[in-house]
Amino acid sequence: MPSREEQKEQRRRLILIKALELFVKRGYSETKIGDIAKAADMSTGLMFHYFESKEQLYEELVKMGLHGTKTPQKMDFSSPLEYFRGFLNALFSYVKEQPWVFYMFVLMAQAQKNEATPPHIREIAMQVDQIEFSAKIIEQGQKDGTFRSGDPLTLSTAFWCSVQGLMEYLAAHPDTPLPDPEWIVDIIKGENAK
């Protein structure tokens, strides 16, 4: 039987996942704290023991999303091409186990552009810099022909927008099979890539 601390952490995680789903499906302003409590099968009062407000809960989710976007930057890669392949393989493996990850991609996009997002939370969401970071890696790979020629920032944008679009589609259609990661890598791959 789980300890009291483990039970508390499980409940907190359940609240976060249910809130994530509701924020994505209904939007931040249309989701009520009572809706989240009901989805988590608990009273609103009990939920306030975990999060003092809907805004605090939303901020926690956006911080989790920001942390997740930094994961590829921490990856150790043997080559620029392996950086992108490794990331996609890891992401696709993870989303098979944790389908809520699809929703996190949607939430982060919503938090960046939705006017209902509290300004300080939008600032957190806007710290995502994966495109700029990846452009530097693409530039490295262009030197040996691993990546196609062209503006590295534009190529990085095409790659990441493809990933974002795929995750958003899968959030709406979760039974869709994941594509071969190589199809997405082909967006940036050059003639000399293996």
N, C-alpha and C. Protein backbone atom coordinates (compact mmCIF):
# COMPACT_ATOMS: atom_id res chain seq x y z
N MET A 1 0.84 -1.18 0.00
CA MET A 1 0.00 0.00 0.00
C MET A 1 0.89 1.25 0.00
N PRO A 2 0.56 2.24 -0.85
CA PRO A 2 1.39 3.43 -0.92
C PRO A 2 1.35 4.23 0.39
N SER A 3 2.48 4.85 0.68
CA SER A 3 2.54 5.69 1.88
C SER A 3 1.67 6.93 1.69
N ARG A 4 1.46 7.66 2.75
CA ARG A 4 0.64 8.88 2.69
C ARG A 4 1.24 9.90 1.71
N GLU A 5 2.55 10.02 1.74
CA GLU A 5 3.22 10.95 0.81
C GLU A 5 3.05 10.51 -0.63
N GLU A 6 3.16 9.21 -0.87
CA GLU A 6 2.97 8.69 -2.23
C GLU A 6 1.54 8.91 -2.70
N GLN A 7 0.58 8.71 -1.81
CA GLN A 7 -0.82 8.96 -2.16
C GLN A 7 -1.05 10.43 -2.50
N LYS A 8 -0.45 11.30 -1.71
CA LYS A 8 -0.58 12.73 -1.94
C LYS A 8 0.01 13.11 -3.31
N GLU A 9 1.16 12.55 -3.62
CA GLU A 9 1.81 12.84 -4.91
C GLU A 9 0.98 12.28 -6.07
N GLN A 10 0.40 11.10 -5.90
CA GLN A 10 -0.46 10.52 -6.94
C GLN A 10 -1.68 11.40 -7.19
N ARG A 11 -2.27 11.92 -6.11
CA ARG A 11 -3.43 12.78 -6.24
C ARG A 11 -3.05 14.09 -6.93
N ARG A 12 -1.92 14.63 -6.56
CA ARG A 12 -1.45 15.87 -7.18
C ARG A 12 -1.23 15.68 -8.68
N ARG A 13 -0.64 14.57 -9.03
CA ARG A 13 -0.38 14.27 -10.44
C ARG A 13 -1.70 14.09 -11.20
N LEU A 14 -2.67 13.42 -10.57
CA LEU A 14 -3.98 13.23 -11.18
C LEU A 14 -4.64 14.60 -11.45
N ILE A 15 -4.56 15.49 -10.50
CA ILE A 15 -5.13 16.84 -10.67
C ILE A 15 -4.47 17.52 -11.87
N LEU A 16 -3.15 17.44 -11.95
CA LEU A 16 -2.43 18.08 -13.05
C LEU A 16 -2.86 17.50 -14.40
N ILE A 17 -2.96 16.20 -14.50
CA ILE A 17 -3.33 15.57 -15.78
C ILE A 17 -4.76 15.91 -16.16
N LYS A 18 -5.68 15.86 -15.21
CA LYS A 18 -7.08 16.20 -15.50
C LYS A 18 -7.21 17.68 -15.87
N ALA A 19 -6.49 18.54 -15.17
CA ALA A 19 -6.52 19.97 -15.49
C ALA A 19 -5.95 20.21 -16.88
N LEU A 20 -4.87 19.54 -17.21
CA LEU A 20 -4.25 19.67 -18.53
C LEU A 20 -5.26 19.33 -19.62
N GLU A 21 -5.93 18.20 -19.47
CA GLU A 21 -6.93 17.80 -20.47
C GLU A 21 -8.03 18.84 -20.61
N LEU A 22 -8.53 19.33 -19.48
CA LEU A 22 -9.62 20.31 -19.53
C LEU A 22 -9.17 21.65 -20.10
N PHE A 23 -7.99 22.10 -19.72
CA PHE A 23 -7.49 23.38 -20.26
C PHE A 23 -7.34 23.29 -21.77
N VAL A 24 -6.88 22.15 -22.26
CA VAL A 24 -6.70 21.99 -23.71
C VAL A 24 -8.05 21.91 -24.42
N LYS A 25 -8.97 21.15 -23.86
CA LYS A 25 -10.27 20.96 -24.52
C LYS A 25 -11.19 22.17 -24.41
N ARG A 26 -11.17 22.84 -23.27
CA ARG A 26 -12.10 23.95 -23.03
C ARG A 26 -11.45 25.33 -23.07
N GLY A 27 -10.16 25.37 -22.85
CA GLY A 27 -9.47 26.65 -22.72
C GLY A 27 -9.35 27.05 -21.27
N TYR A 28 -8.41 27.93 -21.01
CA TYR A 28 -8.16 28.36 -19.63
C TYR A 28 -9.37 29.06 -19.02
N SER A 29 -9.92 30.03 -19.72
CA SER A 29 -11.00 30.82 -19.13
C SER A 29 -12.30 30.03 -18.95
N GLU A 30 -12.53 29.02 -19.79
CA GLU A 30 -13.77 28.25 -19.72
C GLU A 30 -13.69 27.09 -18.73
N THR A 31 -12.51 26.78 -18.25
CA THR A 31 -12.35 25.69 -17.30
C THR A 31 -12.49 26.24 -15.88
N LYS A 32 -13.39 25.67 -15.14
CA LYS A 32 -13.64 26.09 -13.76
C LYS A 32 -12.91 25.13 -12.81
N ILE A 33 -12.56 25.66 -11.66
CA ILE A 33 -11.86 24.84 -10.67
C ILE A 33 -12.72 23.65 -10.26
N GLY A 34 -14.04 23.83 -10.20
CA GLY A 34 -14.95 22.74 -9.87
C GLY A 34 -14.94 21.64 -10.93
N ASP A 35 -14.75 22.03 -12.20
CA ASP A 35 -14.66 21.05 -13.29
C ASP A 35 -13.44 20.15 -13.09
N ILE A 36 -12.34 20.78 -12.70
CA ILE A 36 -11.10 20.02 -12.49
C ILE A 36 -11.27 19.07 -11.31
N ALA A 37 -11.85 19.57 -10.21
CA ALA A 37 -12.07 18.72 -9.03
C ALA A 37 -12.95 17.53 -9.39
N LYS A 38 -14.02 17.79 -10.14
CA LYS A 38 -14.93 16.70 -10.55
C LYS A 38 -14.20 15.67 -11.41
N ALA A 39 -13.39 16.14 -12.37
CA ALA A 39 -12.65 15.23 -13.24
C ALA A 39 -11.65 14.40 -12.44
N ALA A 40 -11.11 14.98 -11.37
CA ALA A 40 -10.15 14.27 -10.51
C ALA A 40 -10.85 13.47 -9.42
N ASP A 41 -12.18 13.49 -9.42
CA ASP A 41 -12.99 12.74 -8.48
C ASP A 41 -12.69 13.12 -7.02
N MET A 42 -12.72 14.43 -6.78
CA MET A 42 -12.52 14.92 -5.42
C MET A 42 -13.31 16.20 -5.23
N SER A 43 -13.45 16.62 -4.00
CA SER A 43 -14.16 17.87 -3.72
C SER A 43 -13.27 19.05 -4.07
N THR A 44 -13.91 20.17 -4.34
CA THR A 44 -13.16 21.39 -4.64
C THR A 44 -12.31 21.78 -3.43
N GLY A 45 -12.87 21.61 -2.25
CA GLY A 45 -12.13 21.93 -1.03
C GLY A 45 -10.85 21.13 -0.90
N LEU A 46 -10.92 19.84 -1.20
CA LEU A 46 -9.73 18.99 -1.13
C LEU A 46 -8.70 19.43 -2.17
N MET A 47 -9.20 19.81 -3.34
CA MET A 47 -8.26 20.22 -4.38
C MET A 47 -7.48 21.47 -3.97
N PHE A 48 -8.11 22.34 -3.20
CA PHE A 48 -7.42 23.54 -2.73
C PHE A 48 -6.28 23.23 -1.76
N HIS A 49 -6.23 22.00 -1.26
CA HIS A 49 -5.09 21.60 -0.43
C HIS A 49 -3.85 21.37 -1.29
N TYR A 50 -4.07 21.17 -2.59
CA TYR A 50 -2.97 20.92 -3.51
C TYR A 50 -2.59 22.16 -4.32
N PHE A 51 -3.59 22.92 -4.72
CA PHE A 51 -3.36 24.14 -5.50
C PHE A 51 -4.31 25.21 -5.00
N GLU A 52 -3.76 26.38 -4.71
CA GLU A 52 -4.61 27.42 -4.11
C GLU A 52 -5.52 28.12 -5.11
N SER A 53 -5.26 27.94 -6.40
CA SER A 53 -6.10 28.58 -7.41
C SER A 53 -5.93 27.90 -8.76
N LYS A 54 -6.86 28.18 -9.64
CA LYS A 54 -6.77 27.68 -11.01
C LYS A 54 -5.53 28.26 -11.68
N GLU A 55 -5.24 29.51 -11.41
CA GLU A 55 -4.08 30.16 -12.01
C GLU A 55 -2.78 29.48 -11.57
N GLN A 56 -2.69 29.12 -10.29
CA GLN A 56 -1.48 28.44 -9.81
C GLN A 56 -1.34 27.07 -10.49
N LEU A 57 -2.45 26.39 -10.68
CA LEU A 57 -2.44 25.09 -11.35
C LEU A 57 -1.99 25.23 -12.80
N TYR A 58 -2.52 26.23 -13.48
CA TYR A 58 -2.15 26.49 -14.88
C TYR A 58 -0.67 26.84 -14.98
N GLU A 59 -0.21 27.68 -14.06
CA GLU A 59 1.21 28.06 -14.05
C GLU A 59 2.10 26.84 -13.85
N GLU A 60 1.70 25.95 -12.96
CA GLU A 60 2.48 24.73 -12.72
C GLU A 60 2.58 23.90 -14.01
N LEU A 61 1.47 23.78 -14.73
CA LEU A 61 1.48 23.03 -15.98
C LEU A 61 2.38 23.68 -17.03
N VAL A 62 2.32 25.00 -17.14
CA VAL A 62 3.16 25.70 -18.12
C VAL A 62 4.64 25.56 -17.74
N LYS A 63 4.94 25.60 -16.46
CA LYS A 63 6.33 25.39 -16.03
C LYS A 63 6.79 23.97 -16.37
N MET A 64 5.90 23.00 -16.20
CA MET A 64 6.23 21.62 -16.59
C MET A 64 6.50 21.56 -18.10
N GLY A 65 5.66 22.25 -18.87
CA GLY A 65 5.85 22.27 -20.32
C GLY A 65 7.16 22.91 -20.72
N LEU A 66 7.50 24.01 -20.06
CA LEU A 66 8.77 24.69 -20.35
C LEU A 66 9.94 23.76 -20.02
N HIS A 67 9.85 23.10 -18.88
CA HIS A 67 10.91 22.15 -18.49
C HIS A 67 11.04 21.04 -19.54
N GLY A 68 9.91 20.56 -20.04
CA GLY A 68 9.93 19.51 -21.07
C GLY A 68 10.59 19.97 -22.35
N THR A 69 10.41 21.25 -22.71
CA THR A 69 11.02 21.75 -23.95
C THR A 69 12.53 21.85 -23.82
N LYS A 70 13.04 21.87 -22.61
CA LYS A 70 14.49 21.94 -22.40
C LYS A 70 15.15 20.56 -22.47
N THR A 71 14.34 19.51 -22.44
CA THR A 71 14.88 18.14 -22.46
C THR A 71 15.80 17.90 -23.65
N PRO A 72 15.40 18.25 -24.89
CA PRO A 72 16.32 17.99 -26.01
C PRO A 72 17.65 18.72 -25.86
N GLN A 73 17.64 19.88 -25.24
CA GLN A 73 18.88 20.64 -25.09
C GLN A 73 19.86 19.96 -24.14
N LYS A 74 19.35 19.08 -23.30
CA LYS A 74 20.19 18.38 -22.34
C LYS A 74 20.69 17.04 -22.88
N MET A 75 20.21 16.68 -24.07
CA MET A 75 20.58 15.39 -24.64
C MET A 75 22.03 15.40 -25.11
N ASP A 76 22.67 14.27 -24.89
CA ASP A 76 24.03 14.09 -25.39
C ASP A 76 23.90 13.40 -26.74
N PHE A 77 24.46 13.98 -27.76
CA PHE A 77 24.32 13.40 -29.09
C PHE A 77 25.67 13.27 -29.76
N SER A 78 25.81 12.20 -30.54
CA SER A 78 27.08 11.92 -31.20
C SER A 78 27.26 12.72 -32.48
N SER A 79 26.16 13.17 -33.06
CA SER A 79 26.22 13.96 -34.28
C SER A 79 24.97 14.83 -34.33
N PRO A 80 24.99 15.89 -35.13
CA PRO A 80 23.79 16.72 -35.25
C PRO A 80 22.56 15.92 -35.69
N LEU A 81 22.74 14.98 -36.60
CA LEU A 81 21.60 14.19 -37.07
C LEU A 81 21.05 13.31 -35.95
N GLU A 82 21.94 12.74 -35.15
CA GLU A 82 21.51 11.88 -34.05
C GLU A 82 20.77 12.67 -32.98
N TYR A 83 21.06 13.95 -32.86
CA TYR A 83 20.32 14.79 -31.92
C TYR A 83 18.83 14.76 -32.27
N PHE A 84 18.49 14.99 -33.53
CA PHE A 84 17.08 15.03 -33.96
C PHE A 84 16.45 13.64 -33.95
N ARG A 85 17.19 12.65 -34.43
CA ARG A 85 16.67 11.28 -34.40
C ARG A 85 16.43 10.82 -32.96
N GLY A 86 17.42 11.06 -32.13
CA GLY A 86 17.31 10.65 -30.72
C GLY A 86 16.15 11.32 -30.02
N PHE A 87 15.97 12.61 -30.28
CA PHE A 87 14.85 13.30 -29.66
C PHE A 87 13.52 12.69 -30.09
N LEU A 88 13.33 12.50 -31.39
CA LEU A 88 12.05 11.97 -31.88
C LEU A 88 11.80 10.56 -31.37
N ASN A 89 12.82 9.72 -31.37
CA ASN A 89 12.65 8.36 -30.85
C ASN A 89 12.26 8.38 -29.38
N ALA A 90 12.91 9.25 -28.60
CA ALA A 90 12.59 9.36 -27.18
C ALA A 90 11.18 9.91 -26.99
N LEU A 91 10.82 10.93 -27.75
CA LEU A 91 9.48 11.52 -27.64
C LEU A 91 8.41 10.50 -27.99
N PHE A 92 8.58 9.80 -29.11
CA PHE A 92 7.56 8.85 -29.54
C PHE A 92 7.44 7.69 -28.55
N SER A 93 8.54 7.26 -27.98
CA SER A 93 8.47 6.19 -26.97
C SER A 93 7.72 6.69 -25.74
N TYR A 94 8.00 7.91 -25.36
CA TYR A 94 7.38 8.46 -24.16
C TYR A 94 5.87 8.67 -24.35
N VAL A 95 5.46 9.20 -25.51
CA VAL A 95 4.03 9.46 -25.70
C VAL A 95 3.22 8.16 -25.79
N LYS A 96 3.86 7.07 -26.16
CA LYS A 96 3.15 5.78 -26.15
C LYS A 96 2.80 5.39 -24.72
N GLU A 97 3.68 5.72 -23.79
CA GLU A 97 3.46 5.39 -22.38
C GLU A 97 2.63 6.46 -21.66
N GLN A 98 2.79 7.70 -22.07
CA GLN A 98 2.15 8.83 -21.40
C GLN A 98 1.42 9.71 -22.42
N PRO A 99 0.24 9.32 -22.86
CA PRO A 99 -0.44 10.07 -23.92
C PRO A 99 -0.77 11.53 -23.56
N TRP A 100 -0.76 11.87 -22.29
CA TRP A 100 -1.03 13.25 -21.91
C TRP A 100 0.01 14.22 -22.47
N VAL A 101 1.15 13.71 -22.91
CA VAL A 101 2.20 14.57 -23.47
C VAL A 101 1.68 15.31 -24.70
N PHE A 102 0.80 14.68 -25.48
CA PHE A 102 0.20 15.38 -26.64
C PHE A 102 -0.43 16.69 -26.17
N TYR A 103 -1.18 16.60 -25.06
CA TYR A 103 -1.87 17.78 -24.55
C TYR A 103 -0.90 18.88 -24.12
N MET A 104 0.27 18.48 -23.65
CA MET A 104 1.23 19.48 -23.19
C MET A 104 1.69 20.36 -24.35
N PHE A 105 1.88 19.77 -25.52
CA PHE A 105 2.25 20.55 -26.69
C PHE A 105 1.16 21.57 -27.02
N VAL A 106 -0.10 21.13 -26.94
CA VAL A 106 -1.23 22.02 -27.23
C VAL A 106 -1.30 23.12 -26.18
N LEU A 107 -1.18 22.75 -24.92
CA LEU A 107 -1.26 23.73 -23.83
C LEU A 107 -0.21 24.83 -23.99
N MET A 108 1.01 24.45 -24.32
CA MET A 108 2.08 25.45 -24.44
C MET A 108 1.79 26.42 -25.59
N ALA A 109 1.26 25.90 -26.69
CA ALA A 109 0.89 26.78 -27.81
C ALA A 109 -0.23 27.72 -27.40
N GLN A 110 -1.22 27.19 -26.69
CA GLN A 110 -2.33 28.02 -26.23
C GLN A 110 -1.85 29.09 -25.25
N ALA A 111 -0.98 28.71 -24.34
CA ALA A 111 -0.50 29.65 -23.33
C ALA A 111 0.27 30.81 -23.96
N GLN A 112 0.92 30.56 -25.08
CA GLN A 112 1.69 31.61 -25.76
C GLN A 112 0.81 32.60 -26.49
N LYS A 113 -0.33 32.15 -27.00
CA LYS A 113 -1.10 33.04 -27.88
C LYS A 113 -2.49 33.41 -27.37
N ASN A 114 -2.99 32.75 -26.35
CA ASN A 114 -4.34 33.01 -25.86
C ASN A 114 -4.35 34.25 -24.97
N GLU A 115 -5.22 35.19 -25.28
CA GLU A 115 -5.31 36.43 -24.51
C GLU A 115 -5.80 36.21 -23.09
N ALA A 116 -6.47 35.07 -22.84
CA ALA A 116 -6.96 34.78 -21.49
C ALA A 116 -5.83 34.32 -20.56
N THR A 117 -4.69 33.96 -21.13
CA THR A 117 -3.56 33.52 -20.32
C THR A 117 -3.07 34.70 -19.47
N PRO A 118 -2.97 34.52 -18.16
CA PRO A 118 -2.41 35.59 -17.33
C PRO A 118 -1.02 35.99 -17.85
N PRO A 119 -0.73 37.29 -17.92
CA PRO A 119 0.53 37.75 -18.53
C PRO A 119 1.79 37.10 -17.97
N HIS A 120 1.87 36.90 -16.67
CA HIS A 120 3.10 36.30 -16.12
C HIS A 120 3.24 34.84 -16.55
N ILE A 121 2.14 34.17 -16.80
CA ILE A 121 2.21 32.78 -17.27
C ILE A 121 2.57 32.76 -18.76
N ARG A 122 2.05 33.72 -19.51
CA ARG A 122 2.43 33.81 -20.93
C ARG A 122 3.93 34.04 -21.05
N GLU A 123 4.49 34.87 -20.18
CA GLU A 123 5.94 35.12 -20.20
C GLU A 123 6.73 33.82 -19.99
N ILE A 124 6.24 32.98 -19.09
CA ILE A 124 6.90 31.68 -18.87
C ILE A 124 6.84 30.84 -20.14
N ALA A 125 5.66 30.78 -20.75
CA ALA A 125 5.47 29.98 -21.97
C ALA A 125 6.33 30.50 -23.11
N MET A 126 6.54 31.79 -23.17
CA MET A 126 7.31 32.39 -24.26
C MET A 126 8.81 32.14 -24.14
N GLN A 127 9.25 31.54 -23.03
CA GLN A 127 10.67 31.23 -22.85
C GLN A 127 11.12 30.02 -23.66
N VAL A 128 10.19 29.35 -24.31
CA VAL A 128 10.55 28.20 -25.14
C VAL A 128 11.47 28.69 -26.26
N ASP A 129 12.64 28.10 -26.37
CA ASP A 129 13.62 28.55 -27.37
C ASP A 129 14.21 27.38 -28.16
N GLN A 130 13.43 26.33 -28.30
CA GLN A 130 13.92 25.14 -28.98
C GLN A 130 14.29 25.41 -30.43
N ILE A 131 13.55 26.26 -31.12
CA ILE A 131 13.83 26.53 -32.53
C ILE A 131 15.20 27.18 -32.68
N GLU A 132 15.51 28.17 -31.85
CA GLU A 132 16.80 28.85 -31.94
C GLU A 132 17.94 27.90 -31.59
N PHE A 133 17.75 27.11 -30.54
CA PHE A 133 18.78 26.15 -30.13
C PHE A 133 19.07 25.15 -31.24
N SER A 134 17.99 24.61 -31.84
CA SER A 134 18.14 23.61 -32.89
C SER A 134 18.74 24.19 -34.16
N ALA A 135 18.50 25.46 -34.42
CA ALA A 135 19.09 26.10 -35.61
C ALA A 135 20.61 26.03 -35.56
N LYS A 136 21.18 26.17 -34.37
CA LYS A 136 22.64 26.09 -34.22
C LYS A 136 23.15 24.68 -34.53
N ILE A 137 22.36 23.68 -34.15
CA ILE A 137 22.75 22.30 -34.44
C ILE A 137 22.64 22.02 -35.94
N ILE A 138 21.60 22.55 -36.55
CA ILE A 138 21.44 22.38 -38.00
C ILE A 138 22.61 23.04 -38.73
N GLU A 139 23.01 24.20 -38.26
CA GLU A 139 24.14 24.89 -38.88
C GLU A 139 25.41 24.04 -38.82
N GLN A 140 25.62 23.36 -37.69
CA GLN A 140 26.77 22.46 -37.57
C GLN A 140 26.68 21.34 -38.60
N GLY A 141 25.49 20.75 -38.75
CA GLY A 141 25.30 19.65 -39.68
C GLY A 141 25.35 20.06 -41.14
N GLN A 142 25.10 21.32 -41.42
CA GLN A 142 25.19 21.80 -42.80
C GLN A 142 26.62 21.84 -43.29
N LYS A 143 27.55 21.99 -42.39
CA LYS A 143 28.96 22.09 -42.76
C LYS A 143 29.47 20.80 -43.41
N ASP A 144 28.93 19.65 -43.00
CA ASP A 144 29.37 18.39 -43.61
C ASP A 144 28.30 17.78 -44.52
N GLY A 145 27.26 18.53 -44.81
CA GLY A 145 26.22 18.06 -45.73
C GLY A 145 25.18 17.15 -45.11
N THR A 146 25.24 16.96 -43.78
CA THR A 146 24.25 16.12 -43.10
C THR A 146 22.86 16.73 -43.24
N PHE A 147 22.80 18.07 -43.19
CA PHE A 147 21.52 18.75 -43.33
C PHE A 147 21.50 19.53 -44.62
N ARG A 148 20.31 19.67 -45.16
CA ARG A 148 20.15 20.39 -46.43
C ARG A 148 20.56 21.85 -46.27
N SER A 149 20.88 22.48 -47.37
CA SER A 149 21.25 23.89 -47.33
C SER A 149 19.98 24.71 -47.15
N GLY A 150 20.17 25.91 -46.70
CA GLY A 150 19.06 26.82 -46.44
C GLY A 150 19.26 27.48 -45.10
N ASP A 151 18.41 28.42 -44.81
CA ASP A 151 18.52 29.15 -43.55
C ASP A 151 18.28 28.19 -42.38
N PRO A 152 19.25 28.04 -41.47
CA PRO A 152 19.09 27.09 -40.36
C PRO A 152 17.87 27.37 -39.49
N LEU A 153 17.56 28.64 -39.28
CA LEU A 153 16.41 28.98 -38.45
C LEU A 153 15.10 28.56 -39.13
N THR A 154 15.04 28.73 -40.44
CA THR A 154 13.85 28.32 -41.19
C THR A 154 13.70 26.80 -41.19
N LEU A 155 14.81 26.09 -41.37
CA LEU A 155 14.77 24.63 -41.32
C LEU A 155 14.35 24.14 -39.93
N SER A 156 14.89 24.76 -38.90
CA SER A 156 14.52 24.39 -37.54
C SER A 156 13.04 24.66 -37.30
N THR A 157 12.56 25.78 -37.80
CA THR A 157 11.14 26.12 -37.66
C THR A 157 10.27 25.06 -38.35
N ALA A 158 10.66 24.65 -39.55
CA ALA A 158 9.89 23.63 -40.28
C ALA A 158 9.86 22.31 -39.50
N PHE A 159 11.01 21.92 -38.95
CA PHE A 159 11.08 20.68 -38.17
C PHE A 159 10.16 20.76 -36.95
N TRP A 160 10.32 21.82 -36.15
CA TRP A 160 9.57 21.92 -34.90
C TRP A 160 8.09 22.17 -35.11
N CYS A 161 7.74 22.88 -36.18
CA CYS A 161 6.31 23.07 -36.48
C CYS A 161 5.68 21.75 -36.91
N SER A 162 6.45 20.90 -37.56
CA SER A 162 5.96 19.58 -37.92
C SER A 162 5.70 18.75 -36.67
N VAL A 163 6.63 18.79 -35.72
CA VAL A 163 6.46 18.06 -34.46
C VAL A 163 5.25 18.62 -33.71
N GLN A 164 5.15 19.94 -33.62
CA GLN A 164 4.03 20.58 -32.92
C GLN A 164 2.70 20.20 -33.56
N GLY A 165 2.63 20.30 -34.87
CA GLY A 165 1.40 19.97 -35.57
C GLY A 165 1.00 18.51 -35.38
N LEU A 166 1.98 17.63 -35.41
CA LEU A 166 1.72 16.22 -35.19
C LEU A 166 1.16 15.98 -33.79
N MET A 167 1.77 16.59 -32.79
CA MET A 167 1.31 16.41 -31.41
C MET A 167 -0.11 16.97 -31.24
N GLU A 168 -0.40 18.11 -31.86
CA GLU A 168 -1.74 18.68 -31.78
C GLU A 168 -2.76 17.76 -32.45
N TYR A 169 -2.40 17.20 -33.59
CA TYR A 169 -3.30 16.27 -34.29
C TYR A 169 -3.56 15.03 -33.43
N LEU A 170 -2.50 14.50 -32.84
CA LEU A 170 -2.63 13.30 -32.02
C LEU A 170 -3.42 13.56 -30.74
N ALA A 171 -3.37 14.79 -30.23
CA ALA A 171 -4.19 15.13 -29.07
C ALA A 171 -5.66 15.04 -29.42
N ALA A 172 -6.01 15.44 -30.64
CA ALA A 172 -7.40 15.39 -31.09
C ALA A 172 -7.79 14.01 -31.61
N HIS A 173 -6.82 13.25 -32.10
CA HIS A 173 -7.07 11.93 -32.68
C HIS A 173 -6.08 10.92 -32.09
N PRO A 174 -6.25 10.56 -30.82
CA PRO A 174 -5.24 9.73 -30.14
C PRO A 174 -5.06 8.32 -30.69
N ASP A 175 -5.98 7.85 -31.49
CA ASP A 175 -5.83 6.49 -32.04
C ASP A 175 -5.00 6.46 -33.32
N THR A 176 -4.57 7.62 -33.78
CA THR A 176 -3.75 7.69 -34.99
C THR A 176 -2.37 7.11 -34.69
N PRO A 177 -1.87 6.23 -35.55
CA PRO A 177 -0.52 5.68 -35.30
C PRO A 177 0.55 6.77 -35.47
N LEU A 178 1.60 6.63 -34.71
CA LEU A 178 2.72 7.56 -34.83
C LEU A 178 3.46 7.29 -36.14
N PRO A 179 3.94 8.34 -36.79
CA PRO A 179 4.70 8.12 -38.02
C PRO A 179 6.11 7.62 -37.70
N ASP A 180 6.80 7.19 -38.72
CA ASP A 180 8.21 6.84 -38.59
C ASP A 180 8.96 8.15 -38.31
N PRO A 181 9.75 8.22 -37.25
CA PRO A 181 10.48 9.45 -36.94
C PRO A 181 11.34 9.96 -38.10
N GLU A 182 11.80 9.03 -38.92
CA GLU A 182 12.67 9.41 -40.04
C GLU A 182 11.94 10.31 -41.03
N TRP A 183 10.62 10.18 -41.14
CA TRP A 183 9.85 11.03 -42.05
C TRP A 183 9.97 12.50 -41.64
N ILE A 184 10.02 12.73 -40.35
CA ILE A 184 10.13 14.11 -39.87
C ILE A 184 11.58 14.60 -39.99
N VAL A 185 12.53 13.72 -39.72
CA VAL A 185 13.94 14.09 -39.86
C VAL A 185 14.25 14.44 -41.32
N ASP A 186 13.55 13.80 -42.26
CA ASP A 186 13.77 14.08 -43.68
C ASP A 186 13.54 15.55 -44.04
N ILE A 187 12.80 16.26 -43.23
CA ILE A 187 12.57 17.69 -43.48
C ILE A 187 13.89 18.46 -43.53
N ILE A 188 14.82 18.05 -42.69
CA ILE A 188 16.07 18.79 -42.58
C ILE A 188 17.29 18.05 -43.15
N LYS A 189 17.12 16.77 -43.44
CA LYS A 189 18.26 15.93 -43.83
C LYS A 189 18.79 16.32 -45.21
N GLY A 190 20.10 16.32 -45.33
CA GLY A 190 20.77 16.61 -46.58
C GLY A 190 21.13 15.36 -47.35
N GLU A 191 21.75 15.54 -48.50
CA GLU A 191 22.09 14.43 -49.38
C GLU A 191 23.17 13.51 -48.79
N ASN A 192 24.05 14.04 -47.97
CA ASN A 192 25.14 13.24 -47.41
C ASN A 192 24.77 12.52 -46.12
N ALA A 193 23.53 12.65 -45.69
CA ALA A 193 23.12 12.01 -44.42
C ALA A 193 22.93 10.53 -44.59
N LYS A 194 23.22 9.81 -43.52
CA LYS A 194 23.07 8.34 -43.53
C LYS A 194 22.04 7.94 -42.51
